[in-house]
């Protein structure tokens, strides 16, 4: 039997997608050409490659908002990633876009996050002359560091969606790092915000920082008073509002209706003020930042201690130290720093 018939059947099924959807058979391809898989499309192969990386597995012990939590039910970077993939697939399916591309990009979009969430990112940005952004690091991990320094050789569309997945604070659609070339990439960018806003509310309530009644009036009036209601309202609105752009201009866009966009932005700003920048949250974050800076400085001074599995030998030592430290989980960073007598790590229970 010629198993390639399976892939050809999957590629033929993509003909029924929206004319605006990305198709694996017309992908811009990979940096290094490869024979096709007999059983999977190119985007399905990318999804599977990301899932099998060591970097993906380490997300289970990396911070989302609350650092190295002792309780079992706080969101980690891994569970956040899985929720983003679920939301992205739901939106892509409803809009008749390519679910496989959306899922692959969603699974890889945060793979470059360092320990201690955005605090670790801030620390490394202050250490490296060229700065540090987790979306760029996600591309670096997948394109260069994984697979023994050879990278995964992913398709252009998946890497583009990952690189442009970040958002600026001022608006849920603010473009700090460019617009993805595919609608599927735009879906992932929005699904990220939908997922983190909703699960971070649950974590903040669980931590006793806020209550459901503290949420903005517009949230309760337009989005609902429960986790499920908010998710449903945001996802349904983005499907309806994005669908309405088909045929309305040269290219459709992924968007909310104006009222829901305003409500989502108000909720996002509320979360920054009351949760992300809350005094106790920031104290833990600043402690994490100091640990990351301590480790970076240590490995710059002792490059022989940098694991060759997480850096490239010909890179400058600062880049190698940043790659190694950014790959650490919260608990591993704390353990290594404590073994080096870092004051901020000693006594931190993990």
C-alpha atoms as a PDB file:
ATOM      1  CA  UNK A   1       0.000   0.000   0.000  1.00  0.00           C
ATOM      2  CA  UNK A   2       1.212   3.499  -0.788  1.00  0.00           C
ATOM      3  CA  UNK A   3       0.710   5.258   2.551  1.00  0.00           C
ATOM      4  CA  UNK A   4       1.124   8.652   0.879  1.00  0.00           C
ATOM      5  CA  UNK A   5      -2.530   8.348  -0.076  1.00  0.00           C
ATOM      6  CA  UNK A   6      -3.325   9.260   3.536  1.00  0.00           C
ATOM      7  CA  UNK A   7      -1.492  12.604   3.334  1.00  0.00           C
ATOM      8  CA  UNK A   8      -2.969  13.339  -0.066  1.00  0.00           C
ATOM      9  CA  UNK A   9      -6.458  12.728   1.331  1.00  0.00           C
ATOM     10  CA  UNK A  10      -5.751  15.140   4.217  1.00  0.00           C
ATOM     11  CA  UNK A  11      -4.414  17.771   1.828  1.00  0.00           C
ATOM     12  CA  UNK A  12      -7.444  17.340  -0.455  1.00  0.00           C
ATOM     13  CA  UNK A  13      -9.727  17.916   2.539  1.00  0.00           C
ATOM     14  CA  UNK A  14      -8.102  21.336   3.003  1.00  0.00           C
ATOM     15  CA  UNK A  15      -9.755  22.408  -0.262  1.00  0.00           C
ATOM     16  CA  UNK A  16     -13.003  22.793   1.693  1.00  0.00           C
ATOM     17  CA  UNK A  17     -11.460  25.378   4.040  1.00  0.00           C
ATOM     18  CA  UNK A  18     -12.115  29.100   3.742  1.00  0.00           C
ATOM     19  CA  UNK A  19     -10.388  30.709   0.758  1.00  0.00           C
ATOM     20  CA  UNK A  20      -8.528  32.798   3.356  1.00  0.00           C
ATOM     21  CA  UNK A  21      -7.183  29.762   5.242  1.00  0.00           C
ATOM     22  CA  UNK A  22      -3.560  28.636   5.062  1.00  0.00           C
ATOM     23  CA  UNK A  23      -3.059  25.286   3.374  1.00  0.00           C
ATOM     24  CA  UNK A  24      -0.226  22.919   4.178  1.00  0.00           C
ATOM     25  CA  UNK A  25       0.147  21.981   0.521  1.00  0.00           C
ATOM     26  CA  UNK A  26       0.929  25.614  -0.387  1.00  0.00           C
ATOM     27  CA  UNK A  27       3.094  26.438   2.644  1.00  0.00           C
ATOM     28  CA  UNK A  28       6.162  28.592   2.066  1.00  0.00           C
ATOM     29  CA  UNK A  29       7.978  25.532   3.338  1.00  0.00           C
ATOM     30  CA  UNK A  30      10.978  24.835   5.526  1.00  0.00           C
ATOM     31  CA  UNK A  31      14.527  26.196   5.502  1.00  0.00           C
ATOM     32  CA  UNK A  32      15.797  22.705   4.730  1.00  0.00           C
ATOM     33  CA  UNK A  33      13.650  20.725   2.265  1.00  0.00           C
ATOM     34  CA  UNK A  34      12.446  17.350   3.546  1.00  0.00           C
ATOM     35  CA  UNK A  35      10.554  14.449   1.990  1.00  0.00           C
ATOM     36  CA  UNK A  36       6.853  14.657   2.895  1.00  0.00           C
ATOM     37  CA  UNK A  37       5.337  12.483   5.594  1.00  0.00           C
ATOM     38  CA  UNK A  38       3.068   9.742   4.216  1.00  0.00           C
ATOM     39  CA  UNK A  39       0.512  10.192   7.027  1.00  0.00           C
ATOM     40  CA  UNK A  40       0.579  13.878   8.036  1.00  0.00           C
ATOM     41  CA  UNK A  41       0.375  17.308   6.486  1.00  0.00           C
ATOM     42  CA  UNK A  42       3.253  19.725   7.062  1.00  0.00           C
ATOM     43  CA  UNK A  43       1.451  21.598   9.859  1.00  0.00           C
ATOM     44  CA  UNK A  44       0.575  18.329  11.578  1.00  0.00           C
ATOM     45  CA  UNK A  45       4.251  17.372  11.515  1.00  0.00           C
ATOM     46  CA  UNK A  46       5.156  20.728  13.087  1.00  0.00           C
ATOM     47  CA  UNK A  47       2.609  20.208  15.869  1.00  0.00           C
ATOM     48  CA  UNK A  48       4.016  16.776  16.645  1.00  0.00           C
ATOM     49  CA  UNK A  49       7.622  17.988  16.605  1.00  0.00           C
ATOM     50  CA  UNK A  50       6.825  20.737  19.112  1.00  0.00           C
ATOM     51  CA  UNK A  51       4.981  18.321  21.416  1.00  0.00           C
ATOM     52  CA  UNK A  52       7.977  15.994  21.576  1.00  0.00           C
ATOM     53  CA  UNK A  53      10.551  18.632  22.539  1.00  0.00           C
ATOM     54  CA  UNK A  54      12.233  18.840  25.915  1.00  0.00           C
ATOM     55  CA  UNK A  55      11.381  22.549  26.007  1.00  0.00           C
ATOM     56  CA  UNK A  56       7.659  21.754  25.789  1.00  0.00           C
ATOM     57  CA  UNK A  57       7.867  19.298  28.687  1.00  0.00           C
ATOM     58  CA  UNK A  58       9.628  21.884  30.862  1.00  0.00           C
ATOM     59  CA  UNK A  59       6.624  24.213  30.586  1.00  0.00           C
ATOM     60  CA  UNK A  60       4.893  22.161  33.296  1.00  0.00           C
ATOM     61  CA  UNK A  61       7.193  23.710  35.921  1.00  0.00           C
ATOM     62  CA  UNK A  62       7.333  27.264  34.556  1.00  0.00           C
ATOM     63  CA  UNK A  63       5.357  30.172  36.013  1.00  0.00           C
ATOM     64  CA  UNK A  64       2.244  31.611  34.458  1.00  0.00           C
ATOM     65  CA  UNK A  65       1.489  34.264  37.130  1.00  0.00           C
ATOM     66  CA  UNK A  66       2.088  32.719  40.546  1.00  0.00           C
ATOM     67  CA  UNK A  67       5.688  31.618  41.023  1.00  0.00           C
ATOM     68  CA  UNK A  68       6.456  28.019  42.011  1.00  0.00           C
ATOM     69  CA  UNK A  69       3.009  27.516  43.591  1.00  0.00           C
ATOM     70  CA  UNK A  70       2.639  24.821  46.231  1.00  0.00           C
ATOM     71  CA  UNK A  71      -1.011  24.149  45.416  1.00  0.00           C
ATOM     72  CA  UNK A  72      -1.925  21.789  42.593  1.00  0.00           C
ATOM     73  CA  UNK A  73      -4.543  23.845  40.775  1.00  0.00           C
ATOM     74  CA  UNK A  74      -2.707  27.028  39.845  1.00  0.00           C
ATOM     75  CA  UNK A  75      -2.107  27.463  36.133  1.00  0.00           C
ATOM     76  CA  UNK A  76       1.380  26.703  34.844  1.00  0.00           C
ATOM     77  CA  UNK A  77       2.886  27.720  31.525  1.00  0.00           C
ATOM     78  CA  UNK A  78       2.012  24.232  30.205  1.00  0.00           C
ATOM     79  CA  UNK A  79      -1.664  24.289  31.175  1.00  0.00           C
ATOM     80  CA  UNK A  80      -1.906  27.829  29.787  1.00  0.00           C
ATOM     81  CA  UNK A  81      -0.450  26.603  26.499  1.00  0.00           C
ATOM     82  CA  UNK A  82      -2.951  23.753  26.295  1.00  0.00           C
ATOM     83  CA  UNK A  83      -5.829  26.163  26.937  1.00  0.00           C
ATOM     84  CA  UNK A  84      -4.569  28.512  24.215  1.00  0.00           C
ATOM     85  CA  UNK A  85      -4.442  25.580  21.795  1.00  0.00           C
ATOM     86  CA  UNK A  86      -8.010  24.589  22.692  1.00  0.00           C
ATOM     87  CA  UNK A  87      -9.363  28.129  22.243  1.00  0.00           C
ATOM     88  CA  UNK A  88      -7.421  28.596  18.992  1.00  0.00           C
ATOM     89  CA  UNK A  89      -8.729  25.346  17.558  1.00  0.00           C
ATOM     90  CA  UNK A  90     -12.312  26.248  18.466  1.00  0.00           C
ATOM     91  CA  UNK A  91     -12.057  29.648  16.750  1.00  0.00           C
ATOM     92  CA  UNK A  92     -10.211  28.244  13.714  1.00  0.00           C
ATOM     93  CA  UNK A  93     -12.765  25.461  13.289  1.00  0.00           C
ATOM     94  CA  UNK A  94     -15.689  27.894  13.538  1.00  0.00           C
ATOM     95  CA  UNK A  95     -14.128  30.202  10.920  1.00  0.00           C
ATOM     96  CA  UNK A  96     -13.210  27.254   8.664  1.00  0.00           C
ATOM     97  CA  UNK A  97      -9.504  27.969   9.002  1.00  0.00           C
ATOM     98  CA  UNK A  98      -6.636  25.488   9.358  1.00  0.00           C
ATOM     99  CA  UNK A  99      -6.859  23.943  12.835  1.00  0.00           C
ATOM    100  CA  UNK A 100      -3.528  22.160  12.487  1.00  0.00           C
ATOM    101  CA  UNK A 101      -1.616  25.386  11.868  1.00  0.00           C
ATOM    102  CA  UNK A 102      -3.405  27.142  14.737  1.00  0.00           C
ATOM    103  CA  UNK A 103      -2.703  24.259  17.102  1.00  0.00           C
ATOM    104  CA  UNK A 104       0.981  23.997  16.171  1.00  0.00           C
ATOM    105  CA  UNK A 105       1.564  27.728  16.688  1.00  0.00           C
ATOM    106  CA  UNK A 106      -0.382  27.729  19.959  1.00  0.00           C
ATOM    107  CA  UNK A 107       1.651  24.847  21.361  1.00  0.00           C
ATOM    108  CA  UNK A 108       4.913  26.625  20.519  1.00  0.00           C
ATOM    109  CA  UNK A 109       4.018  30.231  21.284  1.00  0.00           C
ATOM    110  CA  UNK A 110       5.359  30.325  24.886  1.00  0.00           C
ATOM    111  CA  UNK A 111       8.093  27.734  24.647  1.00  0.00           C
ATOM    112  CA  UNK A 112      10.781  30.431  25.005  1.00  0.00           C
ATOM    113  CA  UNK A 113       9.528  31.743  28.348  1.00  0.00           C
ATOM    114  CA  UNK A 114      12.151  31.629  31.081  1.00  0.00           C
ATOM    115  CA  UNK A 115      11.651  30.808  34.750  1.00  0.00           C
ATOM    116  CA  UNK A 116       9.405  33.097  36.835  1.00  0.00           C
ATOM    117  CA  UNK A 117       7.268  34.177  33.880  1.00  0.00           C
ATOM    118  CA  UNK A 118       7.487  37.780  32.731  1.00  0.00           C
ATOM    119  CA  UNK A 119       9.747  38.600  35.685  1.00  0.00           C
ATOM    120  CA  UNK A 120      12.386  36.262  34.294  1.00  0.00           C
ATOM    121  CA  UNK A 121      11.903  37.795  30.866  1.00  0.00           C
ATOM    122  CA  UNK A 122      12.437  41.287  32.297  1.00  0.00           C
ATOM    123  CA  UNK A 123      15.601  40.143  34.082  1.00  0.00           C
ATOM    124  CA  UNK A 124      17.153  38.641  30.948  1.00  0.00           C
ATOM    125  CA  UNK A 125      16.157  41.706  28.916  1.00  0.00           C
ATOM    126  CA  UNK A 126      18.147  43.807  31.391  1.00  0.00           C
ATOM    127  CA  UNK A 127      21.135  41.443  31.176  1.00  0.00           C
ATOM    128  CA  UNK A 128      21.477  41.093  27.409  1.00  0.00           C
ATOM    129  CA  UNK A 129      22.600  44.134  25.374  1.00  0.00           C
ATOM    130  CA  UNK A 130      20.206  43.158  22.578  1.00  0.00           C
ATOM    131  CA  UNK A 131      17.366  42.551  25.028  1.00  0.00           C
ATOM    132  CA  UNK A 132      15.241  39.441  25.448  1.00  0.00           C
ATOM    133  CA  UNK A 133      11.690  38.673  24.323  1.00  0.00           C
ATOM    134  CA  UNK A 134      10.014  35.350  24.972  1.00  0.00           C
ATOM    135  CA  UNK A 135       8.358  35.249  21.531  1.00  0.00           C
ATOM    136  CA  UNK A 136      11.725  35.657  19.798  1.00  0.00           C
ATOM    137  CA  UNK A 137      13.233  33.128  22.181  1.00  0.00           C
ATOM    138  CA  UNK A 138      10.424  30.683  21.332  1.00  0.00           C
ATOM    139  CA  UNK A 139      11.468  30.879  17.681  1.00  0.00           C
ATOM    140  CA  UNK A 140      15.133  30.534  18.672  1.00  0.00           C
ATOM    141  CA  UNK A 141      14.443  27.432  20.770  1.00  0.00           C
ATOM    142  CA  UNK A 142      12.429  25.750  18.036  1.00  0.00           C
ATOM    143  CA  UNK A 143      14.556  26.882  15.095  1.00  0.00           C
ATOM    144  CA  UNK A 144      18.061  26.595  16.534  1.00  0.00           C
ATOM    145  CA  UNK A 145      18.444  25.138  20.037  1.00  0.00           C
ATOM    146  CA  UNK A 146      16.282  22.018  20.076  1.00  0.00           C
ATOM    147  CA  UNK A 147      17.253  18.745  18.413  1.00  0.00           C
ATOM    148  CA  UNK A 148      20.900  18.956  19.404  1.00  0.00           C
ATOM    149  CA  UNK A 149      21.347  22.457  18.007  1.00  0.00           C
ATOM    150  CA  UNK A 150      19.812  21.622  14.628  1.00  0.00           C
ATOM    151  CA  UNK A 151      16.346  22.970  15.410  1.00  0.00           C
ATOM    152  CA  UNK A 152      13.072  21.418  14.297  1.00  0.00           C
ATOM    153  CA  UNK A 153      13.026  22.851  10.756  1.00  0.00           C
ATOM    154  CA  UNK A 154       9.438  24.068  11.137  1.00  0.00           C
ATOM    155  CA  UNK A 155       7.376  25.669   8.401  1.00  0.00           C
ATOM    156  CA  UNK A 156       7.496  29.416   7.797  1.00  0.00           C
ATOM    157  CA  UNK A 157       3.847  29.925   8.805  1.00  0.00           C
ATOM    158  CA  UNK A 158       4.216  28.273  12.225  1.00  0.00           C
ATOM    159  CA  UNK A 159       7.369  30.215  13.095  1.00  0.00           C
ATOM    160  CA  UNK A 160       5.808  33.477  11.888  1.00  0.00           C
ATOM    161  CA  UNK A 161       2.734  32.973  14.087  1.00  0.00           C
ATOM    162  CA  UNK A 162       4.909  32.204  17.112  1.00  0.00           C
ATOM    163  CA  UNK A 163       7.212  35.186  16.565  1.00  0.00           C
ATOM    164  CA  UNK A 164       4.265  37.602  16.321  1.00  0.00           C
ATOM    165  CA  UNK A 165       2.151  36.137  19.144  1.00  0.00           C
ATOM    166  CA  UNK A 166       3.002  38.787  21.773  1.00  0.00           C
ATOM    167  CA  UNK A 167       0.854  41.827  22.545  1.00  0.00           C
ATOM    168  CA  UNK A 168       1.551  45.272  23.970  1.00  0.00           C
ATOM    169  CA  UNK A 169      -0.230  46.322  27.148  1.00  0.00           C
ATOM    170  CA  UNK A 170      -2.277  49.211  25.790  1.00  0.00           C
ATOM    171  CA  UNK A 171      -4.707  47.142  23.679  1.00  0.00           C
ATOM    172  CA  UNK A 172      -5.538  43.488  23.174  1.00  0.00           C
ATOM    173  CA  UNK A 173      -4.813  43.958  19.454  1.00  0.00           C
ATOM    174  CA  UNK A 174      -1.847  46.314  19.821  1.00  0.00           C
ATOM    175  CA  UNK A 175       0.897  45.341  17.382  1.00  0.00           C
ATOM    176  CA  UNK A 176       4.263  45.504  19.073  1.00  0.00           C
ATOM    177  CA  UNK A 177       5.817  42.704  17.048  1.00  0.00           C
ATOM    178  CA  UNK A 178       3.930  42.645  13.761  1.00  0.00           C
ATOM    179  CA  UNK A 179       0.802  41.022  12.347  1.00  0.00           C
ATOM    180  CA  UNK A 180       0.999  37.291  11.552  1.00  0.00           C
ATOM    181  CA  UNK A 181       0.831  36.585   7.840  1.00  0.00           C
ATOM    182  CA  UNK A 182      -1.955  34.027   8.335  1.00  0.00           C
ATOM    183  CA  UNK A 183      -5.373  34.367   9.918  1.00  0.00           C
ATOM    184  CA  UNK A 184      -4.485  31.289  11.963  1.00  0.00           C
ATOM    185  CA  UNK A 185      -1.583  33.231  13.479  1.00  0.00           C
ATOM    186  CA  UNK A 186      -3.955  36.074  14.317  1.00  0.00           C
ATOM    187  CA  UNK A 187      -6.291  33.552  15.951  1.00  0.00           C
ATOM    188  CA  UNK A 188      -3.484  32.268  18.188  1.00  0.00           C
ATOM    189  CA  UNK A 189      -2.530  35.802  19.214  1.00  0.00           C
ATOM    190  CA  UNK A 190      -6.110  36.479  20.326  1.00  0.00           C
ATOM    191  CA  UNK A 191      -6.639  33.019  21.854  1.00  0.00           C
ATOM    192  CA  UNK A 192      -3.623  33.681  24.074  1.00  0.00           C
ATOM    193  CA  UNK A 193      -5.306  36.745  25.585  1.00  0.00           C
ATOM    194  CA  UNK A 194      -8.668  35.003  25.941  1.00  0.00           C
ATOM    195  CA  UNK A 195      -7.065  32.087  27.758  1.00  0.00           C
ATOM    196  CA  UNK A 196      -4.814  33.990  30.148  1.00  0.00           C
ATOM    197  CA  UNK A 197      -7.389  36.591  31.136  1.00  0.00           C
ATOM    198  CA  UNK A 198      -9.854  33.907  32.146  1.00  0.00           C
ATOM    199  CA  UNK A 199      -7.599  31.435  33.923  1.00  0.00           C
ATOM    200  CA  UNK A 200      -5.675  34.229  35.661  1.00  0.00           C
ATOM    201  CA  UNK A 201      -8.972  35.451  37.147  1.00  0.00           C
ATOM    202  CA  UNK A 202      -9.540  31.994  38.643  1.00  0.00           C
ATOM    203  CA  UNK A 203      -5.991  31.880  40.034  1.00  0.00           C
ATOM    204  CA  UNK A 204      -6.305  35.364  41.523  1.00  0.00           C
ATOM    205  CA  UNK A 205      -9.601  34.425  43.201  1.00  0.00           C
ATOM    206  CA  UNK A 206      -8.012  31.183  44.445  1.00  0.00           C
ATOM    207  CA  UNK A 207      -5.106  33.210  45.874  1.00  0.00           C
ATOM    208  CA  UNK A 208      -7.488  35.598  47.648  1.00  0.00           C
ATOM    209  CA  UNK A 209      -6.312  38.659  45.716  1.00  0.00           C
ATOM    210  CA  UNK A 210      -9.692  39.460  44.141  1.00  0.00           C
ATOM    211  CA  UNK A 211     -13.278  38.203  44.217  1.00  0.00           C
ATOM    212  CA  UNK A 212     -15.726  37.729  41.379  1.00  0.00           C
ATOM    213  CA  UNK A 213     -17.549  40.899  42.511  1.00  0.00           C
ATOM    214  CA  UNK A 214     -14.370  42.969  42.057  1.00  0.00           C
ATOM    215  CA  UNK A 215     -14.362  42.508  38.292  1.00  0.00           C
ATOM    216  CA  UNK A 216     -15.336  45.567  36.191  1.00  0.00           C
ATOM    217  CA  UNK A 217     -19.022  46.196  35.598  1.00  0.00           C
ATOM    218  CA  UNK A 218     -18.534  45.798  31.850  1.00  0.00           C
ATOM    219  CA  UNK A 219     -17.077  42.317  32.409  1.00  0.00           C
ATOM    220  CA  UNK A 220     -20.066  41.164  34.403  1.00  0.00           C
ATOM    221  CA  UNK A 221     -22.596  42.849  32.120  1.00  0.00           C
ATOM    222  CA  UNK A 222     -21.149  41.888  28.724  1.00  0.00           C
ATOM    223  CA  UNK A 223     -19.014  38.816  29.384  1.00  0.00           C
ATOM    224  CA  UNK A 224     -20.778  37.064  32.240  1.00  0.00           C
ATOM    225  CA  UNK A 225     -20.195  36.134  35.861  1.00  0.00           C
ATOM    226  CA  UNK A 226     -18.416  32.796  35.519  1.00  0.00           C
ATOM    227  CA  UNK A 227     -15.362  31.338  33.835  1.00  0.00           C
ATOM    228  CA  UNK A 228     -17.476  29.447  31.306  1.00  0.00           C
ATOM    229  CA  UNK A 229     -19.693  32.425  30.488  1.00  0.00           C
ATOM    230  CA  UNK A 230     -16.695  34.689  29.877  1.00  0.00           C
ATOM    231  CA  UNK A 231     -14.959  32.206  27.606  1.00  0.00           C
ATOM    232  CA  UNK A 232     -18.135  31.581  25.651  1.00  0.00           C
ATOM    233  CA  UNK A 233     -18.870  35.297  25.236  1.00  0.00           C
ATOM    234  CA  UNK A 234     -15.360  36.154  24.020  1.00  0.00           C
ATOM    235  CA  UNK A 235     -15.043  33.198  21.647  1.00  0.00           C
ATOM    236  CA  UNK A 236     -18.519  33.589  20.153  1.00  0.00           C
ATOM    237  CA  UNK A 237     -17.996  37.318  19.651  1.00  0.00           C
ATOM    238  CA  UNK A 238     -14.660  36.926  17.903  1.00  0.00           C
ATOM    239  CA  UNK A 239     -16.113  34.328  15.529  1.00  0.00           C
ATOM    240  CA  UNK A 240     -19.111  36.525  14.694  1.00  0.00           C
ATOM    241  CA  UNK A 241     -17.115  39.749  14.343  1.00  0.00           C
ATOM    242  CA  UNK A 242     -14.346  38.113  12.292  1.00  0.00           C
ATOM    243  CA  UNK A 243     -16.835  36.340  10.027  1.00  0.00           C
ATOM    244  CA  UNK A 244     -18.433  39.693   9.277  1.00  0.00           C
ATOM    245  CA  UNK A 245     -15.160  40.953   7.741  1.00  0.00           C
ATOM    246  CA  UNK A 246     -15.195  38.289   5.025  1.00  0.00           C
ATOM    247  CA  UNK A 247     -15.897  40.088   1.768  1.00  0.00           C
ATOM    248  CA  UNK A 248     -15.922  43.485   3.493  1.00  0.00           C
ATOM    249  CA  UNK A 249     -12.438  44.422   2.321  1.00  0.00           C
ATOM    250  CA  UNK A 250      -9.340  43.107   0.577  1.00  0.00           C
ATOM    251  CA  UNK A 251      -8.510  40.779   3.506  1.00  0.00           C
ATOM    252  CA  UNK A 252     -10.521  39.602   6.506  1.00  0.00           C
ATOM    253  CA  UNK A 253      -9.158  40.132  10.011  1.00  0.00           C
ATOM    254  CA  UNK A 254      -9.563  38.451  13.369  1.00  0.00           C
ATOM    255  CA  UNK A 255     -11.313  40.906  15.665  1.00  0.00           C
ATOM    256  CA  UNK A 256     -13.833  41.505  18.460  1.00  0.00           C
ATOM    257  CA  UNK A 257     -16.902  43.679  18.115  1.00  0.00           C
ATOM    258  CA  UNK A 258     -16.202  47.208  19.451  1.00  0.00           C
ATOM    259  CA  UNK A 259     -18.168  46.721  22.705  1.00  0.00           C
ATOM    260  CA  UNK A 260     -16.517  43.389  23.544  1.00  0.00           C
ATOM    261  CA  UNK A 261     -13.083  44.721  22.605  1.00  0.00           C
ATOM    262  CA  UNK A 262     -13.562  47.603  25.045  1.00  0.00           C
ATOM    263  CA  UNK A 263     -14.752  45.213  27.765  1.00  0.00           C
ATOM    264  CA  UNK A 264     -11.804  42.860  27.175  1.00  0.00           C
ATOM    265  CA  UNK A 265      -9.347  45.762  27.338  1.00  0.00           C
ATOM    266  CA  UNK A 266     -10.927  47.059  30.544  1.00  0.00           C
ATOM    267  CA  UNK A 267     -10.684  43.591  32.070  1.00  0.00           C
ATOM    268  CA  UNK A 268      -7.057  43.275  30.916  1.00  0.00           C
ATOM    269  CA  UNK A 269      -6.137  46.616  32.493  1.00  0.00           C
ATOM    270  CA  UNK A 270      -7.925  45.585  35.699  1.00  0.00           C
ATOM    271  CA  UNK A 271      -5.823  42.414  35.831  1.00  0.00           C
ATOM    272  CA  UNK A 272      -2.614  44.399  35.388  1.00  0.00           C
ATOM    273  CA  UNK A 273      -3.508  46.773  38.227  1.00  0.00           C
ATOM    274  CA  UNK A 274      -5.031  44.311  40.669  1.00  0.00           C
ATOM    275  CA  UNK A 275      -3.186  41.054  39.963  1.00  0.00           C
ATOM    276  CA  UNK A 276      -0.077  41.245  37.769  1.00  0.00           C
ATOM    277  CA  UNK A 277       1.270  44.348  39.536  1.00  0.00           C
ATOM    278  CA  UNK A 278      -0.167  43.508  42.966  1.00  0.00           C
ATOM    279  CA  UNK A 279       2.374  44.106  45.755  1.00  0.00           C
ATOM    280  CA  UNK A 280       2.651  40.470  46.843  1.00  0.00           C
ATOM    281  CA  UNK A 281       2.818  39.226  43.251  1.00  0.00           C
ATOM    282  CA  UNK A 282       5.540  41.766  42.449  1.00  0.00           C
ATOM    283  CA  UNK A 283       7.558  40.873  45.564  1.00  0.00           C
ATOM    284  CA  UNK A 284       7.744  37.271  44.427  1.00  0.00           C
ATOM    285  CA  UNK A 285       8.477  38.436  40.877  1.00  0.00           C
ATOM    286  CA  UNK A 286      11.327  40.698  41.995  1.00  0.00           C
ATOM    287  CA  UNK A 287      12.796  37.810  43.956  1.00  0.00           C
ATOM    288  CA  UNK A 288      12.636  35.683  40.815  1.00  0.00           C
ATOM    289  CA  UNK A 289      14.277  38.464  38.789  1.00  0.00           C
ATOM    290  CA  UNK A 290      17.187  38.617  41.221  1.00  0.00           C
ATOM    291  CA  UNK A 291      17.682  34.859  40.945  1.00  0.00           C
ATOM    292  CA  UNK A 292      17.727  35.020  37.140  1.00  0.00           C
ATOM    293  CA  UNK A 293      20.263  37.861  37.182  1.00  0.00           C
ATOM    294  CA  UNK A 294      22.394  35.971  39.721  1.00  0.00           C
ATOM    295  CA  UNK A 295      22.409  32.855  37.523  1.00  0.00           C
ATOM    296  CA  UNK A 296      23.134  34.823  34.359  1.00  0.00           C
ATOM    297  CA  UNK A 297      26.123  36.535  35.987  1.00  0.00           C
ATOM    298  CA  UNK A 298      27.385  33.242  37.399  1.00  0.00           C
ATOM    299  CA  UNK A 299      27.294  31.410  34.065  1.00  0.00           C
ATOM    300  CA  UNK A 300      28.913  34.310  32.214  1.00  0.00           C
ATOM    301  CA  UNK A 301      31.786  33.979  34.694  1.00  0.00           C
ATOM    302  CA  UNK A 302      31.740  30.157  34.527  1.00  0.00           C
ATOM    303  CA  UNK A 303      30.853  29.250  30.918  1.00  0.00           C
ATOM    304  CA  UNK A 304      32.197  25.737  31.413  1.00  0.00           C
ATOM    305  CA  UNK A 305      29.139  25.096  33.631  1.00  0.00           C
ATOM    306  CA  UNK A 306      26.665  25.920  30.826  1.00  0.00           C
ATOM    307  CA  UNK A 307      24.981  22.775  29.580  1.00  0.00           C
ATOM    308  CA  UNK A 308      25.786  22.118  25.904  1.00  0.00           C
ATOM    309  CA  UNK A 309      22.238  20.774  25.470  1.00  0.00           C
ATOM    310  CA  UNK A 310      20.737  24.260  25.911  1.00  0.00           C
ATOM    311  CA  UNK A 311      23.161  26.546  24.086  1.00  0.00           C
ATOM    312  CA  UNK A 312      25.260  26.802  20.951  1.00  0.00           C
ATOM    313  CA  UNK A 313      29.030  26.495  21.501  1.00  0.00           C
ATOM    314  CA  UNK A 314      30.042  29.248  19.054  1.00  0.00           C
ATOM    315  CA  UNK A 315      27.695  31.895  20.433  1.00  0.00           C
ATOM    316  CA  UNK A 316      28.956  34.723  22.681  1.00  0.00           C
ATOM    317  CA  UNK A 317      29.019  33.695  26.339  1.00  0.00           C
ATOM    318  CA  UNK A 318      26.220  36.135  27.240  1.00  0.00           C
ATOM    319  CA  UNK A 319      23.939  34.562  24.642  1.00  0.00           C
ATOM    320  CA  UNK A 320      24.823  31.061  25.857  1.00  0.00           C
ATOM    321  CA  UNK A 321      24.133  32.026  29.467  1.00  0.00           C
ATOM    322  CA  UNK A 322      20.784  33.558  28.519  1.00  0.00           C
ATOM    323  CA  UNK A 323      19.766  30.483  26.526  1.00  0.00           C
ATOM    324  CA  UNK A 324      20.690  28.179  29.398  1.00  0.00           C
ATOM    325  CA  UNK A 325      19.016  30.194  32.149  1.00  0.00           C
ATOM    326  CA  UNK A 326      15.886  30.879  30.094  1.00  0.00           C
ATOM    327  CA  UNK A 327      15.468  27.145  29.573  1.00  0.00           C
ATOM    328  CA  UNK A 328      15.326  26.456  33.312  1.00  0.00           C
ATOM    329  CA  UNK A 329      12.116  25.720  35.154  1.00  0.00           C
ATOM    330  CA  UNK A 330      11.285  27.742  38.270  1.00  0.00           C
ATOM    331  CA  UNK A 331      12.210  24.952  40.645  1.00  0.00           C
ATOM    332  CA  UNK A 332      15.442  24.063  38.843  1.00  0.00           C
ATOM    333  CA  UNK A 333      16.542  27.720  38.797  1.00  0.00           C
ATOM    334  CA  UNK A 334      15.834  27.977  42.538  1.00  0.00           C
ATOM    335  CA  UNK A 335      17.738  24.752  43.282  1.00  0.00           C
ATOM    336  CA  UNK A 336      20.773  25.752  41.205  1.00  0.00           C
ATOM    337  CA  UNK A 337      20.847  29.249  42.690  1.00  0.00           C
ATOM    338  CA  UNK A 338      20.484  27.858  46.222  1.00  0.00           C
ATOM    339  CA  UNK A 339      23.402  25.469  45.597  1.00  0.00           C
ATOM    340  CA  UNK A 340      25.448  28.559  44.687  1.00  0.00           C
ATOM    341  CA  UNK A 341      24.370  30.339  47.907  1.00  0.00           C
ATOM    342  CA  UNK A 342      22.177  32.916  46.201  1.00  0.00           C
ATOM    343  CA  UNK A 343      20.431  34.669  49.148  1.00  0.00           C
ATOM    344  CA  UNK A 344      17.124  34.927  47.312  1.00  0.00           C
ATOM    345  CA  UNK A 345      16.993  31.191  46.584  1.00  0.00           C
ATOM    346  CA  UNK A 346      18.122  29.817  49.953  1.00  0.00           C
ATOM    347  CA  UNK A 347      15.096  28.638  51.899  1.00  0.00           C
ATOM    348  CA  UNK A 348      12.632  28.926  49.022  1.00  0.00           C
ATOM    349  CA  UNK A 349      10.522  25.775  49.226  1.00  0.00           C
ATOM    350  CA  UNK A 350       9.914  24.071  45.871  1.00  0.00           C
END
